[in-house]
């Protein structure tokens, strides 16, 4: 993990981790509401990664809703 941030996703508590490994670059979001947990793992092959790829992650997170 390269970065850890406590945040909210659609008014629900979440923790987001940025990470890099030998194969991928990505973000892992762990969302917690009441007794439920949801994880979203967004990753891109390291050889194809561009920083602008995270704009797609942002679109996914903005559209996500846990009920």
Protein backbone atom coordinates (compact mmCIF):
# COMPACT_ATOMS: atom_id res chain seq x y z
CA UNK A 1 0.00 0.00 0.00
CA UNK A 2 1.32 3.39 -0.93
CA UNK A 3 -1.42 5.55 0.58
CA UNK A 4 -4.37 5.14 2.97
CA UNK A 5 -7.24 7.65 3.27
CA UNK A 6 -10.33 7.70 5.47
CA UNK A 7 -13.16 9.19 3.43
CA UNK A 8 -16.87 8.97 2.65
CA UNK A 9 -18.41 7.50 -0.46
CA UNK A 10 -21.99 8.70 -0.95
CA UNK A 11 -22.17 9.67 2.74
CA UNK A 12 -20.95 6.26 3.91
CA UNK A 13 -17.67 5.74 5.80
CA UNK A 14 -14.91 4.25 3.69
CA UNK A 15 -11.19 3.62 3.66
CA UNK A 16 -9.33 3.83 0.34
CA UNK A 17 -5.91 2.31 -0.25
CA UNK A 18 -3.68 3.14 -3.22
CA UNK A 19 -1.33 0.30 -4.07
CA UNK A 20 1.30 -0.94 -6.49
CA UNK A 21 2.65 -4.44 -6.87
CA UNK A 22 4.79 -6.20 -9.44
CA UNK A 23 1.84 -6.54 -11.84
CA UNK A 24 -0.79 -3.88 -11.08
CA UNK A 25 -1.48 -0.33 -9.93
CA UNK A 26 -4.79 0.24 -8.23
CA UNK A 27 -7.14 1.41 -5.53
CA UNK A 28 -8.99 -0.68 -2.97
CA UNK A 29 -12.05 0.89 -1.32
CA UNK A 30 -13.57 -0.69 1.79
CA UNK A 31 -17.01 0.74 2.48
CA UNK A 32 -18.76 0.17 5.82
CA UNK A 33 -22.42 0.82 6.52
CA UNK A 34 -24.14 -0.62 9.57
CA UNK A 35 -23.13 -4.29 9.65
CA UNK A 36 -22.33 -4.47 5.93
CA UNK A 37 -18.96 -4.16 4.21
CA UNK A 38 -18.36 -3.75 0.49
CA UNK A 39 -15.01 -3.76 -1.26
CA UNK A 40 -14.23 -2.27 -4.64
CA UNK A 41 -10.91 -3.23 -6.18
CA UNK A 42 -9.94 -1.16 -9.20
CA UNK A 43 -6.67 -2.11 -10.86
CA UNK A 44 -4.77 -1.67 -14.12
CA UNK A 45 -1.90 -3.68 -15.54
CA UNK A 46 1.30 -1.87 -14.58
CA UNK A 47 2.56 -1.86 -18.19
CA UNK A 48 -0.57 -0.02 -19.40
CA UNK A 49 -1.16 2.30 -16.44
CA UNK A 50 -1.63 6.05 -16.92
CA UNK A 51 -2.53 8.40 -14.05
CA UNK A 52 -5.62 9.43 -16.03
CA UNK A 53 -6.96 5.87 -15.60
CA UNK A 54 -8.06 6.86 -12.11
CA UNK A 55 -10.73 9.09 -13.69
CA UNK A 56 -12.60 5.85 -14.41
CA UNK A 57 -12.30 4.87 -10.74
CA UNK A 58 -13.76 8.27 -9.80
CA UNK A 59 -16.74 7.66 -12.12
CA UNK A 60 -17.38 4.26 -10.53
CA UNK A 61 -17.19 5.65 -7.00
CA UNK A 62 -19.53 8.56 -7.80
CA UNK A 63 -22.14 6.12 -9.15
CA UNK A 64 -21.82 3.62 -6.27
CA UNK A 65 -24.62 3.43 -3.71
CA UNK A 66 -24.86 1.06 -0.75
CA UNK A 67 -28.33 0.68 0.73
